[in-house]
Amino acid sequence: MFNALKSKAFLTAMGLMAAIGMAEPASALDKVTYGTNWLAQAEHGGFYQAVADGTYKKYGLDVTIVQGGPNAANSALLISGKIDFYMGGPQQEIDAVKQGIPIVDVAAIFQKDPQVLIAHPDAGVEKFEDLAKLPTLFMSKDGYVTYFEWMKANFPGFKDEQFKPYNFSAAPFLSDKQSAQQGYLTSEPYEIEKQAGWKPKVFLIADAGYSPYSTMITAQTAMVQKNPDLVQRFVNASIEGWYNYLYGDNKAANDLIKKDNPDMTDGQIAYSIAKMKEYGIVVSGDAETKGIGCITDERYKKFFDSMVSIGVEPADLDFKKAYSTKFVCKGVGMALKK
């Protein structure tokens, strides 16, 4: 009787242990934060997709997306170590090298910068070079000191007198047929068409030769050196998320986007996805054969050299500290493209 009771107690204990084991995962997920550069939108879709469809969890990650926006300071949060990854850009990371700030790009989700110039359909502007004929170009200060300087150096006719500050309203552009304004391929043209009732002419500056990557995965240099496995898993999962977002069922991701940003509409999301595909924003160049996120030395150097040529960066800067190629160009997720 005693042995029977002891045996029963042993089996009960084993059952409890098994139940506990089933209730708890074999290993805890690594908590990761990724800060975006603006409010939730389709241009961030692959990251939301990897949250929504469990891809991050598959890679052992519990990812929180920290929205950017007008008053956000996600780049500063990365530098201070308050978030793990940030949606940076090559110009920021090259400037960080200049300032001795140790951050590094580990993936380039956008092979093309979506920056565009937008003109009226009946202003005689048929190709990028024709923009030089217009008396007014509405641009931000950042645009003025980067891509506009590049435009002046590479195309005849562009001049400082054309520049007028862009206040992030389309009203001045809409009221002046002989003007163009800056914008994002995936957003401003859609809003202008809705407001004006006509389709604007859109010129992607990247297709004219302006060559920065965009929508990066940027990390602290210390993270890359001390925890490369975590970096690799986050990069791989994000890449898979982007393939699934662009070529699979993205409804759950879009629902998360609209939850974070209630002003986002289904129409805007559909337009943005269509334009990213049409213009090869995510899948073009090296990404076509080596996968989304690819960074190459040649491409990064090309952009750096263009910034040196217009006096934005010093020629002797060790720009290679701004990026790493070790985590990308491995063909991850390419089989997901449909």
C-alpha atoms as a PDB file:
ATOM      1  CA  MET A   1       0.000   0.000   0.000  1.00  0.00           C
ATOM      2  CA  PHE A   2       2.806   2.389   0.908  1.00  0.00           C
ATOM      3  CA  ASN A   3       4.628   1.654  -2.357  1.00  0.00           C
ATOM      4  CA  ALA A   4       1.419   2.170  -4.308  1.00  0.00           C
ATOM      5  CA  LEU A   5       0.839   5.554  -2.656  1.00  0.00           C
ATOM      6  CA  LYS A   6       4.437   6.568  -3.274  1.00  0.00           C
ATOM      7  CA  SER A   7       4.164   5.527  -6.887  1.00  0.00           C
ATOM      8  CA  LYS A   8       0.927   7.496  -7.273  1.00  0.00           C
ATOM      9  CA  ALA A   9       2.545  10.581  -5.721  1.00  0.00           C
ATOM     10  CA  PHE A  10       5.499  10.239  -8.088  1.00  0.00           C
ATOM     11  CA  LEU A  11       3.221  10.055 -11.118  1.00  0.00           C
ATOM     12  CA  THR A  12       1.239  13.058  -9.888  1.00  0.00           C
ATOM     13  CA  ALA A  13       4.442  15.064  -9.481  1.00  0.00           C
ATOM     14  CA  MET A  14       5.605  14.057 -12.948  1.00  0.00           C
ATOM     15  CA  GLY A  15       2.254  15.149 -14.365  1.00  0.00           C
ATOM     16  CA  LEU A  16       2.545  18.548 -12.689  1.00  0.00           C
ATOM     17  CA  MET A  17       6.059  18.998 -14.032  1.00  0.00           C
ATOM     18  CA  ALA A  18       4.900  18.095 -17.529  1.00  0.00           C
ATOM     19  CA  ALA A  19       2.021  20.575 -17.274  1.00  0.00           C
ATOM     20  CA  ILE A  20       4.394  23.314 -16.142  1.00  0.00           C
ATOM     21  CA  GLY A  21       6.733  22.468 -18.983  1.00  0.00           C
ATOM     22  CA  MET A  22       3.900  22.752 -21.491  1.00  0.00           C
ATOM     23  CA  ALA A  23       2.722  26.054 -20.040  1.00  0.00           C
ATOM     24  CA  GLU A  24       6.147  27.709 -20.232  1.00  0.00           C
ATOM     25  CA  PRO A  25       8.252  28.005 -23.401  1.00  0.00           C
ATOM     26  CA  ALA A  26      11.509  26.114 -23.512  1.00  0.00           C
ATOM     27  CA  SER A  27      13.354  29.432 -23.605  1.00  0.00           C
ATOM     28  CA  ALA A  28      12.168  32.994 -23.123  1.00  0.00           C
ATOM     29  CA  LEU A  29      11.929  35.265 -26.146  1.00  0.00           C
ATOM     30  CA  ASP A  30      14.508  38.039 -26.447  1.00  0.00           C
ATOM     31  CA  LYS A  31      12.774  41.401 -26.029  1.00  0.00           C
ATOM     32  CA  VAL A  32      13.670  43.820 -28.829  1.00  0.00           C
ATOM     33  CA  THR A  33      12.538  47.370 -29.620  1.00  0.00           C
ATOM     34  CA  TYR A  34      12.599  48.936 -33.092  1.00  0.00           C
ATOM     35  CA  GLY A  35      12.003  52.665 -33.472  1.00  0.00           C
ATOM     36  CA  THR A  36      10.539  53.919 -36.741  1.00  0.00           C
ATOM     37  CA  ASN A  37      11.116  57.343 -38.282  1.00  0.00           C
ATOM     38  CA  TRP A  38       7.449  58.376 -38.579  1.00  0.00           C
ATOM     39  CA  LEU A  39       3.895  57.403 -37.707  1.00  0.00           C
ATOM     40  CA  ALA A  40       2.810  53.884 -38.663  1.00  0.00           C
ATOM     41  CA  GLN A  41       2.321  53.454 -42.407  1.00  0.00           C
ATOM     42  CA  ALA A  42       2.717  50.942 -45.213  1.00  0.00           C
ATOM     43  CA  GLU A  43       6.334  52.068 -45.609  1.00  0.00           C
ATOM     44  CA  HIS A  44       6.921  50.279 -42.266  1.00  0.00           C
ATOM     45  CA  GLY A  45       4.771  47.330 -43.255  1.00  0.00           C
ATOM     46  CA  GLY A  46       7.311  44.508 -43.206  1.00  0.00           C
ATOM     47  CA  PHE A  47       8.153  45.136 -39.572  1.00  0.00           C
ATOM     48  CA  TYR A  48       4.481  45.120 -38.593  1.00  0.00           C
ATOM     49  CA  GLN A  49       4.017  41.984 -40.690  1.00  0.00           C
ATOM     50  CA  ALA A  50       6.728  40.133 -38.777  1.00  0.00           C
ATOM     51  CA  VAL A  51       4.958  41.046 -35.523  1.00  0.00           C
ATOM     52  CA  ALA A  52       1.494  40.133 -36.837  1.00  0.00           C
ATOM     53  CA  ASP A  53       2.287  36.771 -38.440  1.00  0.00           C
ATOM     54  CA  GLY A  54       4.655  35.465 -35.755  1.00  0.00           C
ATOM     55  CA  THR A  55       7.876  35.669 -37.774  1.00  0.00           C
ATOM     56  CA  TYR A  56       9.729  37.482 -35.010  1.00  0.00           C
ATOM     57  CA  LYS A  57       8.579  34.867 -32.495  1.00  0.00           C
ATOM     58  CA  LYS A  58       9.785  32.134 -34.848  1.00  0.00           C
ATOM     59  CA  TYR A  59      13.233  33.713 -34.548  1.00  0.00           C
ATOM     60  CA  GLY A  60      12.993  33.854 -30.746  1.00  0.00           C
ATOM     61  CA  LEU A  61      12.152  37.553 -30.561  1.00  0.00           C
ATOM     62  CA  ASP A  62       9.471  39.564 -28.768  1.00  0.00           C
ATOM     63  CA  VAL A  63       9.498  42.779 -30.813  1.00  0.00           C
ATOM     64  CA  THR A  64       7.894  46.091 -29.892  1.00  0.00           C
ATOM     65  CA  ILE A  65       7.659  48.734 -32.623  1.00  0.00           C
ATOM     66  CA  VAL A  66       8.117  52.243 -31.223  1.00  0.00           C
ATOM     67  CA  GLN A  67       6.383  54.751 -33.488  1.00  0.00           C
ATOM     68  CA  GLY A  68       8.143  57.842 -34.701  1.00  0.00           C
ATOM     69  CA  GLY A  69       6.360  61.097 -35.425  1.00  0.00           C
ATOM     70  CA  PRO A  70       6.624  64.884 -35.189  1.00  0.00           C
ATOM     71  CA  ASN A  71       7.678  64.895 -31.551  1.00  0.00           C
ATOM     72  CA  ALA A  72       9.479  61.559 -31.379  1.00  0.00           C
ATOM     73  CA  ALA A  73      13.210  61.257 -30.812  1.00  0.00           C
ATOM     74  CA  ASN A  74      13.829  57.641 -31.751  1.00  0.00           C
ATOM     75  CA  SER A  75      17.286  58.314 -33.187  1.00  0.00           C
ATOM     76  CA  ALA A  76      18.322  59.785 -29.820  1.00  0.00           C
ATOM     77  CA  LEU A  77      16.767  56.784 -28.049  1.00  0.00           C
ATOM     78  CA  LEU A  78      18.998  54.472 -30.094  1.00  0.00           C
ATOM     79  CA  ILE A  79      22.113  56.472 -29.264  1.00  0.00           C
ATOM     80  CA  SER A  80      21.244  56.421 -25.558  1.00  0.00           C
ATOM     81  CA  GLY A  81      20.486  52.696 -25.602  1.00  0.00           C
ATOM     82  CA  LYS A  82      16.775  53.107 -24.807  1.00  0.00           C
ATOM     83  CA  ILE A  83      15.803  51.174 -27.970  1.00  0.00           C
ATOM     84  CA  ASP A  84      17.705  48.408 -29.746  1.00  0.00           C
ATOM     85  CA  PHE A  85      17.257  49.268 -33.431  1.00  0.00           C
ATOM     86  CA  TYR A  86      16.203  52.351 -35.385  1.00  0.00           C
ATOM     87  CA  MET A  87      14.973  53.155 -38.895  1.00  0.00           C
ATOM     88  CA  GLY A  88      17.977  55.260 -39.809  1.00  0.00           C
ATOM     89  CA  GLY A  89      19.422  56.538 -43.085  1.00  0.00           C
ATOM     90  CA  PRO A  90      22.957  56.589 -44.528  1.00  0.00           C
ATOM     91  CA  GLN A  91      23.324  60.368 -44.210  1.00  0.00           C
ATOM     92  CA  GLN A  92      22.553  60.173 -40.489  1.00  0.00           C
ATOM     93  CA  GLU A  93      24.959  57.311 -39.922  1.00  0.00           C
ATOM     94  CA  ILE A  94      27.776  58.945 -41.907  1.00  0.00           C
ATOM     95  CA  ASP A  95      27.254  62.153 -39.911  1.00  0.00           C
ATOM     96  CA  ALA A  96      27.364  60.039 -36.743  1.00  0.00           C
ATOM     97  CA  VAL A  97      30.816  58.757 -37.725  1.00  0.00           C
ATOM     98  CA  LYS A  98      31.893  62.379 -38.139  1.00  0.00           C
ATOM     99  CA  GLN A  99      30.636  63.137 -34.617  1.00  0.00           C
ATOM    100  CA  GLY A 100      32.119  60.012 -33.059  1.00  0.00           C
ATOM    101  CA  ILE A 101      28.702  58.438 -32.353  1.00  0.00           C
ATOM    102  CA  PRO A 102      28.969  54.616 -32.579  1.00  0.00           C
ATOM    103  CA  ILE A 103      25.941  53.493 -34.601  1.00  0.00           C
ATOM    104  CA  VAL A 104      25.914  51.300 -37.701  1.00  0.00           C
ATOM    105  CA  ASP A 105      23.530  50.303 -40.512  1.00  0.00           C
ATOM    106  CA  VAL A 106      23.057  46.526 -40.669  1.00  0.00           C
ATOM    107  CA  ALA A 107      20.349  46.303 -43.369  1.00  0.00           C
ATOM    108  CA  ALA A 108      18.862  48.550 -46.065  1.00  0.00           C
ATOM    109  CA  ILE A 109      15.197  47.713 -46.511  1.00  0.00           C
ATOM    110  CA  PHE A 110      14.686  50.362 -49.217  1.00  0.00           C
ATOM    111  CA  GLN A 111      17.142  50.057 -52.081  1.00  0.00           C
ATOM    112  CA  LYS A 112      15.825  53.365 -53.403  1.00  0.00           C
ATOM    113  CA  ASP A 113      15.123  56.508 -51.405  1.00  0.00           C
ATOM    114  CA  PRO A 114      11.406  57.301 -52.059  1.00  0.00           C
ATOM    115  CA  GLN A 115      12.073  61.076 -52.205  1.00  0.00           C
ATOM    116  CA  VAL A 116      10.345  62.665 -55.201  1.00  0.00           C
ATOM    117  CA  LEU A 117       9.734  66.020 -56.791  1.00  0.00           C
ATOM    118  CA  ILE A 118       6.140  66.650 -57.854  1.00  0.00           C
ATOM    119  CA  ALA A 119       5.030  68.956 -60.685  1.00  0.00           C
ATOM    120  CA  HIS A 120       1.757  70.058 -62.243  1.00  0.00           C
ATOM    121  CA  PRO A 121       0.628  67.899 -65.195  1.00  0.00           C
ATOM    122  CA  ASP A 122       0.394  70.859 -67.605  1.00  0.00           C
ATOM    123  CA  ALA A 123       3.571  72.767 -66.679  1.00  0.00           C
ATOM    124  CA  GLY A 124       5.708  71.414 -69.527  1.00  0.00           C
ATOM    125  CA  VAL A 125       7.690  69.148 -67.219  1.00  0.00           C
ATOM    126  CA  GLU A 126       8.100  65.779 -68.947  1.00  0.00           C
ATOM    127  CA  LYS A 127      11.426  64.548 -67.556  1.00  0.00           C
ATOM    128  CA  PHE A 128      13.535  65.165 -64.481  1.00  0.00           C
ATOM    129  CA  GLU A 129      15.771  67.725 -66.187  1.00  0.00           C
ATOM    130  CA  ASP A 130      12.738  69.856 -67.062  1.00  0.00           C
ATOM    131  CA  LEU A 131      12.304  70.693 -63.363  1.00  0.00           C
ATOM    132  CA  ALA A 132      15.214  73.116 -63.806  1.00  0.00           C
ATOM    133  CA  LYS A 133      12.920  75.331 -65.915  1.00  0.00           C
ATOM    134  CA  LEU A 134      10.548  75.998 -63.034  1.00  0.00           C
ATOM    135  CA  PRO A 135      11.083  79.211 -61.040  1.00  0.00           C
ATOM    136  CA  THR A 136      10.069  77.625 -57.713  1.00  0.00           C
ATOM    137  CA  LEU A 137      10.984  74.395 -55.932  1.00  0.00           C
ATOM    138  CA  PHE A 138       9.487  73.869 -52.477  1.00  0.00           C
ATOM    139  CA  MET A 139      11.965  71.874 -50.360  1.00  0.00           C
ATOM    140  CA  SER A 140      12.932  71.269 -46.760  1.00  0.00           C
ATOM    141  CA  LYS A 141      16.247  72.552 -45.435  1.00  0.00           C
ATOM    142  CA  ASP A 142      17.566  68.973 -45.323  1.00  0.00           C
ATOM    143  CA  GLY A 143      16.640  68.505 -48.971  1.00  0.00           C
ATOM    144  CA  TYR A 144      18.270  71.778 -49.900  1.00  0.00           C
ATOM    145  CA  VAL A 145      21.662  70.803 -48.458  1.00  0.00           C
ATOM    146  CA  THR A 146      21.638  67.222 -49.807  1.00  0.00           C
ATOM    147  CA  TYR A 147      19.745  66.202 -52.917  1.00  0.00           C
ATOM    148  CA  PHE A 148      19.290  69.756 -54.235  1.00  0.00           C
ATOM    149  CA  GLU A 149      23.047  70.314 -53.989  1.00  0.00           C
ATOM    150  CA  TRP A 150      23.429  67.008 -55.822  1.00  0.00           C
ATOM    151  CA  MET A 151      20.948  68.149 -58.483  1.00  0.00           C
ATOM    152  CA  LYS A 152      22.829  71.405 -59.030  1.00  0.00           C
ATOM    153  CA  ALA A 153      26.107  69.508 -59.418  1.00  0.00           C
ATOM    154  CA  ASN A 154      24.734  66.933 -61.857  1.00  0.00           C
ATOM    155  CA  PHE A 155      22.143  68.758 -63.993  1.00  0.00           C
ATOM    156  CA  PRO A 156      22.460  72.166 -65.679  1.00  0.00           C
ATOM    157  CA  GLY A 157      19.922  74.842 -64.859  1.00  0.00           C
ATOM    158  CA  PHE A 158      19.142  74.176 -61.201  1.00  0.00           C
ATOM    159  CA  LYS A 159      19.978  77.199 -59.075  1.00  0.00           C
ATOM    160  CA  ASP A 160      19.596  78.477 -55.521  1.00  0.00           C
ATOM    161  CA  GLU A 161      17.024  81.062 -56.566  1.00  0.00           C
ATOM    162  CA  GLN A 162      14.495  78.277 -57.158  1.00  0.00           C
ATOM    163  CA  PHE A 163      14.486  77.204 -53.529  1.00  0.00           C
ATOM    164  CA  LYS A 164      11.574  78.081 -51.287  1.00  0.00           C
ATOM    165  CA  PRO A 165      10.987  76.497 -47.861  1.00  0.00           C
ATOM    166  CA  TYR A 166       8.525  73.614 -47.809  1.00  0.00           C
ATOM    167  CA  ASN A 167       6.162  73.850 -44.818  1.00  0.00           C
ATOM    168  CA  PHE A 168       4.666  70.367 -45.311  1.00  0.00           C
ATOM    169  CA  SER A 169       1.504  71.774 -46.856  1.00  0.00           C
ATOM    170  CA  ALA A 170       0.635  71.254 -50.524  1.00  0.00           C
ATOM    171  CA  ALA A 171      -1.319  74.529 -50.713  1.00  0.00           C
ATOM    172  CA  PRO A 172       1.524  76.751 -52.052  1.00  0.00           C
ATOM    173  CA  PHE A 173       2.347  74.169 -54.722  1.00  0.00           C
ATOM    174  CA  LEU A 174      -1.272  73.686 -55.744  1.00  0.00           C
ATOM    175  CA  SER A 175      -1.750  77.436 -56.205  1.00  0.00           C
ATOM    176  CA  ASP A 176       1.376  77.881 -58.341  1.00  0.00           C
ATOM    177  CA  LYS A 177       1.456  75.921 -61.617  1.00  0.00           C
ATOM    178  CA  GLN A 178       5.081  76.919 -62.231  1.00  0.00           C
ATOM    179  CA  SER A 179       6.348  75.211 -59.100  1.00  0.00           C
ATOM    180  CA  ALA A 180       7.333  71.763 -57.874  1.00  0.00           C
ATOM    181  CA  GLN A 181       7.444  70.402 -54.354  1.00  0.00           C
ATOM    182  CA  GLN A 182       9.261  67.621 -52.581  1.00  0.00           C
ATOM    183  CA  GLY A 183       7.401  64.596 -51.326  1.00  0.00           C
ATOM    184  CA  TYR A 184       7.485  60.883 -50.636  1.00  0.00           C
ATOM    185  CA  LEU A 185       6.600  58.675 -53.592  1.00  0.00           C
ATOM    186  CA  THR A 186       4.154  56.697 -51.501  1.00  0.00           C
ATOM    187  CA  SER A 187       2.199  59.516 -49.854  1.00  0.00           C
ATOM    188  CA  GLU A 188       2.152  63.137 -51.130  1.00  0.00           C
ATOM    189  CA  PRO A 189       1.147  62.315 -54.750  1.00  0.00           C
ATOM    190  CA  TYR A 190      -1.851  60.390 -53.399  1.00  0.00           C
ATOM    191  CA  GLU A 191      -2.965  63.300 -51.217  1.00  0.00           C
ATOM    192  CA  ILE A 192      -2.428  65.869 -53.984  1.00  0.00           C
ATOM    193  CA  GLU A 193      -4.560  63.856 -56.407  1.00  0.00           C
ATOM    194  CA  LYS A 194      -7.313  63.603 -53.778  1.00  0.00           C
ATOM    195  CA  GLN A 195      -7.229  67.346 -53.053  1.00  0.00           C
ATOM    196  CA  ALA A 196      -6.769  68.681 -56.573  1.00  0.00           C
ATOM    197  CA  GLY A 197      -8.657  66.125 -58.644  1.00  0.00           C
ATOM    198  CA  TRP A 198      -5.778  65.721 -61.086  1.00  0.00           C
ATOM    199  CA  LYS A 199      -2.769  63.419 -61.253  1.00  0.00           C
ATOM    200  CA  PRO A 200       0.557  65.171 -60.653  1.00  0.00           C
ATOM    201  CA  LYS A 201       3.804  64.431 -62.478  1.00  0.00           C
ATOM    202  CA  VAL A 202       6.087  62.507 -60.141  1.00  0.00           C
ATOM    203  CA  PHE A 203       9.880  62.231 -60.483  1.00  0.00           C
ATOM    204  CA  LEU A 204      11.763  59.805 -58.254  1.00  0.00           C
ATOM    205  CA  ILE A 205      15.127  61.415 -57.528  1.00  0.00           C
ATOM    206  CA  ALA A 206      16.717  57.968 -57.139  1.00  0.00           C
ATOM    207  CA  ASP A 207      15.883  57.189 -60.763  1.00  0.00           C
ATOM    208  CA  ALA A 208      17.826  60.314 -61.758  1.00  0.00           C
ATOM    209  CA  GLY A 209      20.915  58.895 -60.025  1.00  0.00           C
ATOM    210  CA  TYR A 210      20.656  60.008 -56.401  1.00  0.00           C
ATOM    211  CA  SER A 211      21.796  56.865 -54.629  1.00  0.00           C
ATOM    212  CA  PRO A 212      21.237  56.609 -50.860  1.00  0.00           C
ATOM    213  CA  TYR A 213      19.645  53.582 -49.292  1.00  0.00           C
ATOM    214  CA  SER A 214      16.663  54.273 -47.049  1.00  0.00           C
ATOM    215  CA  THR A 215      14.641  52.703 -44.227  1.00  0.00           C
ATOM    216  CA  MET A 216      17.623  51.105 -42.580  1.00  0.00           C
ATOM    217  CA  ILE A 217      17.966  48.795 -39.632  1.00  0.00           C
ATOM    218  CA  THR A 218      20.467  50.710 -37.519  1.00  0.00           C
ATOM    219  CA  ALA A 219      22.019  49.514 -34.257  1.00  0.00           C
ATOM    220  CA  GLN A 220      24.606  50.611 -31.757  1.00  0.00           C
ATOM    221  CA  THR A 221      28.077  49.413 -32.737  1.00  0.00           C
ATOM    222  CA  ALA A 222      28.346  47.727 -29.326  1.00  0.00           C
ATOM    223  CA  MET A 223      25.225  45.655 -30.046  1.00  0.00           C
ATOM    224  CA  VAL A 224      26.673  44.480 -33.356  1.00  0.00           C
ATOM    225  CA  GLN A 225      29.952  43.493 -31.737  1.00  0.00           C
ATOM    226  CA  LYS A 226      28.595  41.890 -28.550  1.00  0.00           C
ATOM    227  CA  ASN A 227      25.381  40.258 -29.749  1.00  0.00           C
ATOM    228  CA  PRO A 228      25.659  39.507 -33.481  1.00  0.00           C
ATOM    229  CA  ASP A 229      23.282  36.537 -33.167  1.00  0.00           C
ATOM    230  CA  LEU A 230      20.459  38.796 -31.968  1.00  0.00           C
ATOM    231  CA  VAL A 231      21.191  41.279 -34.756  1.00  0.00           C
ATOM    232  CA  GLN A 232      21.155  38.506 -37.365  1.00  0.00           C
ATOM    233  CA  ARG A 233      17.871  37.088 -36.120  1.00  0.00           C
ATOM    234  CA  PHE A 234      16.208  40.512 -36.124  1.00  0.00           C
ATOM    235  CA  VAL A 235      17.496  41.259 -39.629  1.00  0.00           C
ATOM    236  CA  ASN A 236      16.431  37.867 -41.021  1.00  0.00           C
ATOM    237  CA  ALA A 237      12.965  38.027 -39.449  1.00  0.00           C
ATOM    238  CA  SER A 238      12.434  41.599 -40.689  1.00  0.00           C
ATOM    239  CA  ILE A 239      13.440  40.610 -44.218  1.00  0.00           C
ATOM    240  CA  GLU A 240      10.971  37.710 -44.179  1.00  0.00           C
ATOM    241  CA  GLY A 241       8.365  40.116 -42.846  1.00  0.00           C
ATOM    242  CA  TRP A 242       8.916  42.392 -45.819  1.00  0.00           C
ATOM    243  CA  TYR A 243       8.566  39.587 -48.360  1.00  0.00           C
ATOM    244  CA  ASN A 244       5.351  38.446 -46.700  1.00  0.00           C
ATOM    245  CA  TYR A 245       4.019  42.002 -46.505  1.00  0.00           C
ATOM    246  CA  LEU A 246       4.636  42.775 -50.171  1.00  0.00           C
ATOM    247  CA  TYR A 247       3.729  39.388 -51.651  1.00  0.00           C
ATOM    248  CA  GLY A 248       1.510  37.620 -49.090  1.00  0.00           C
ATOM    249  CA  ASP A 249      -1.511  38.254 -46.892  1.00  0.00           C
ATOM    250  CA  ASN A 250      -0.840  41.593 -45.180  1.00  0.00           C
ATOM    251  CA  LYS A 251      -4.261  42.258 -43.617  1.00  0.00           C
ATOM    252  CA  ALA A 252      -3.141  41.592 -40.030  1.00  0.00           C
ATOM    253  CA  ALA A 253      -0.134  43.884 -40.456  1.00  0.00           C
ATOM    254  CA  ASN A 254      -2.310  46.651 -41.892  1.00  0.00           C
ATOM    255  CA  ASP A 255      -4.694  46.288 -38.967  1.00  0.00           C
ATOM    256  CA  LEU A 256      -1.752  46.855 -36.594  1.00  0.00           C
ATOM    257  CA  ILE A 257      -0.652  49.886 -38.616  1.00  0.00           C
ATOM    258  CA  LYS A 258      -4.141  51.397 -38.385  1.00  0.00           C
ATOM    259  CA  LYS A 259      -4.279  50.634 -34.678  1.00  0.00           C
ATOM    260  CA  ASP A 260      -1.032  52.570 -34.087  1.00  0.00           C
ATOM    261  CA  ASN A 261      -2.027  55.331 -36.520  1.00  0.00           C
ATOM    262  CA  PRO A 262      -5.843  55.718 -36.661  1.00  0.00           C
ATOM    263  CA  ASP A 263      -5.562  58.381 -39.374  1.00  0.00           C
ATOM    264  CA  MET A 264      -4.155  55.834 -41.830  1.00  0.00           C
ATOM    265  CA  THR A 265      -6.635  54.661 -44.484  1.00  0.00           C
ATOM    266  CA  ASP A 266      -6.932  51.489 -46.536  1.00  0.00           C
ATOM    267  CA  GLY A 267      -6.714  53.592 -49.696  1.00  0.00           C
ATOM    268  CA  GLN A 268      -3.412  55.166 -48.657  1.00  0.00           C
ATOM    269  CA  ILE A 269      -1.979  51.781 -47.664  1.00  0.00           C
ATOM    270  CA  ALA A 270      -2.950  50.177 -50.978  1.00  0.00           C
ATOM    271  CA  TYR A 271      -1.465  53.095 -52.914  1.00  0.00           C
ATOM    272  CA  SER A 272       1.804  52.939 -50.970  1.00  0.00           C
ATOM    273  CA  ILE A 273       2.252  49.201 -51.487  1.00  0.00           C
ATOM    274  CA  ALA A 274       1.529  49.538 -55.210  1.00  0.00           C
ATOM    275  CA  LYS A 275       4.104  52.323 -55.629  1.00  0.00           C
ATOM    276  CA  MET A 276       6.777  50.466 -53.634  1.00  0.00           C
ATOM    277  CA  LYS A 277       6.376  47.565 -56.059  1.00  0.00           C
ATOM    278  CA  GLU A 278       6.055  49.661 -59.234  1.00  0.00           C
ATOM    279  CA  TYR A 279       9.233  51.661 -58.598  1.00  0.00           C
ATOM    280  CA  GLY A 280      11.309  48.867 -57.028  1.00  0.00           C
ATOM    281  CA  ILE A 281      11.719  50.711 -53.750  1.00  0.00           C
ATOM    282  CA  VAL A 282      12.314  47.497 -51.776  1.00  0.00           C
ATOM    283  CA  VAL A 283      13.197  44.931 -54.444  1.00  0.00           C
ATOM    284  CA  SER A 284      15.575  46.305 -57.067  1.00  0.00           C
ATOM    285  CA  GLY A 285      19.300  46.351 -57.785  1.00  0.00           C
ATOM    286  CA  ASP A 286      21.261  44.016 -55.512  1.00  0.00           C
ATOM    287  CA  ALA A 287      18.079  42.999 -53.669  1.00  0.00           C
ATOM    288  CA  GLU A 288      16.799  41.261 -56.800  1.00  0.00           C
ATOM    289  CA  THR A 289      19.548  38.638 -56.656  1.00  0.00           C
ATOM    290  CA  LYS A 290      20.742  38.803 -53.028  1.00  0.00           C
ATOM    291  CA  GLY A 291      17.554  39.533 -51.147  1.00  0.00           C
ATOM    292  CA  ILE A 292      15.785  42.400 -49.425  1.00  0.00           C
ATOM    293  CA  GLY A 293      18.005  44.416 -47.092  1.00  0.00           C
ATOM    294  CA  CYS A 294      21.196  44.046 -49.120  1.00  0.00           C
ATOM    295  CA  ILE A 295      24.039  46.523 -48.456  1.00  0.00           C
ATOM    296  CA  THR A 296      27.194  46.534 -50.586  1.00  0.00           C
ATOM    297  CA  ASP A 297      30.463  48.401 -50.180  1.00  0.00           C
ATOM    298  CA  GLU A 298      30.226  49.723 -53.733  1.00  0.00           C
ATOM    299  CA  ARG A 299      26.777  51.197 -53.290  1.00  0.00           C
ATOM    300  CA  TYR A 300      27.515  52.796 -49.924  1.00  0.00           C
ATOM    301  CA  LYS A 301      30.748  54.270 -51.292  1.00  0.00           C
ATOM    302  CA  LYS A 302      28.910  55.673 -54.312  1.00  0.00           C
ATOM    303  CA  PHE A 303      26.603  57.656 -52.052  1.00  0.00           C
ATOM    304  CA  PHE A 304      29.439  58.783 -49.797  1.00  0.00           C
ATOM    305  CA  ASP A 305      31.468  59.956 -52.806  1.00  0.00           C
ATOM    306  CA  SER A 306      28.473  61.945 -54.074  1.00  0.00           C
ATOM    307  CA  MET A 307      28.227  63.715 -50.709  1.00  0.00           C
ATOM    308  CA  VAL A 308      31.963  64.455 -50.775  1.00  0.00           C
ATOM    309  CA  SER A 309      31.628  65.908 -54.290  1.00  0.00           C
ATOM    310  CA  ILE A 310      29.089  68.505 -53.103  1.00  0.00           C
ATOM    311  CA  GLY A 311      30.986  69.353 -49.923  1.00  0.00           C
ATOM    312  CA  VAL A 312      28.595  67.729 -47.446  1.00  0.00           C
ATOM    313  CA  GLU A 313      31.181  65.224 -46.150  1.00  0.00           C
ATOM    314  CA  PRO A 314      34.995  65.346 -45.849  1.00  0.00           C
ATOM    315  CA  ALA A 315      36.837  63.024 -48.213  1.00  0.00           C
ATOM    316  CA  ASP A 316      39.009  61.539 -45.441  1.00  0.00           C
ATOM    317  CA  LEU A 317      36.081  60.405 -43.266  1.00  0.00           C
ATOM    318  CA  ASP A 318      36.154  56.677 -42.431  1.00  0.00           C
ATOM    319  CA  PHE A 319      32.614  56.183 -43.734  1.00  0.00           C
ATOM    320  CA  LYS A 320      32.905  52.372 -43.537  1.00  0.00           C
ATOM    321  CA  LYS A 321      32.240  52.679 -39.806  1.00  0.00           C
ATOM    322  CA  ALA A 322      28.669  53.677 -40.750  1.00  0.00           C
ATOM    323  CA  TYR A 323      27.581  50.251 -42.007  1.00  0.00           C
ATOM    324  CA  SER A 324      28.164  46.501 -41.999  1.00  0.00           C
ATOM    325  CA  THR A 325      27.559  44.025 -44.825  1.00  0.00           C
ATOM    326  CA  LYS A 326      27.874  40.872 -42.690  1.00  0.00           C
ATOM    327  CA  PHE A 327      24.162  40.450 -41.901  1.00  0.00           C
ATOM    328  CA  VAL A 328      22.628  40.809 -45.384  1.00  0.00           C
ATOM    329  CA  CYS A 329      22.868  39.811 -49.075  1.00  0.00           C
ATOM    330  CA  LYS A 330      22.381  36.132 -48.148  1.00  0.00           C
ATOM    331  CA  GLY A 331      19.168  35.504 -50.065  1.00  0.00           C
ATOM    332  CA  VAL A 332      17.060  35.237 -46.909  1.00  0.00           C
ATOM    333  CA  GLY A 333      13.336  35.025 -47.657  1.00  0.00           C
ATOM    334  CA  MET A 334      13.632  35.170 -51.448  1.00  0.00           C
ATOM    335  CA  ALA A 335      11.542  32.001 -51.840  1.00  0.00           C
ATOM    336  CA  LEU A 336       8.627  33.922 -50.284  1.00  0.00           C
ATOM    337  CA  LYS A 337       8.353  36.250 -53.282  1.00  0.00           C
ATOM    338  CA  LYS A 338       5.304  35.265 -55.328  1.00  0.00           C
END
